[in-house]
Every structure is written in structure tokens, then in C-alpha cells.
Amino acid sequence: MGFSLGEQLDITQVLDLKERLQSEVEKADSVLIDGGEVSRVDAPGLQLLLSAKNFCHSQSKEWKWEQASGELVGAAKTLGLVEPLGLSDFAE
């Protein structure tokens, strides 16, 4: 099972999620992200994911998606972040 983003990926959750993601990245050679439960997302949440993904790549760690909700993909699409976040397989 992947690293769960939970239901909220917004500014109210960014600090907690950042700490959890940092811990996950530090202990693993690859990170499997589960965004299947995300029902609320905003720009700060997507910015955190993009920063984490870029950090993984800079450390030669793999970033993969297990699941991505329609809300997550839709928000990424609105901001032009589908490709940068690696969500192309989930976009229609």
C-alpha cells in the first residue's frame, strides 16, 4: 500500500503532510503515492506534491502513483500540473 494523502490535500494539511512525506522519502528508495481518497485539493497542496516529487528525483528516488482521485487530477489539470506531477495515466 502506498503513502496515503488522505481526503484533504489543502493548505490546512500542508504542514502535517510535508512532515509525513519527508519521513517517507528519507526511509525509502521509492515513494508510492495513494491519492485515491483526495476529495479536497488546492494549489498549496499541489505545490507540496510537486516539490516532494522534484526532491525525490534530485535524490534519485522513484515517485509513483498508486491511485489518484478525479478531484486531484482535475485540480492538477486546472493548474497545468498533470504532466509535472506524473498524473498523465489518470487524466482523461
Foldseek 3Di string as FASTA:
>chain_A
DFDEPAAEQEPVCLVVVLVVLVVVLVVDLEGEYEAANHDYHDDSSVVSLLVSCVVSVVVNGHYHYPYHHPVRCVRCVVVVNCVSNVPVVVDD
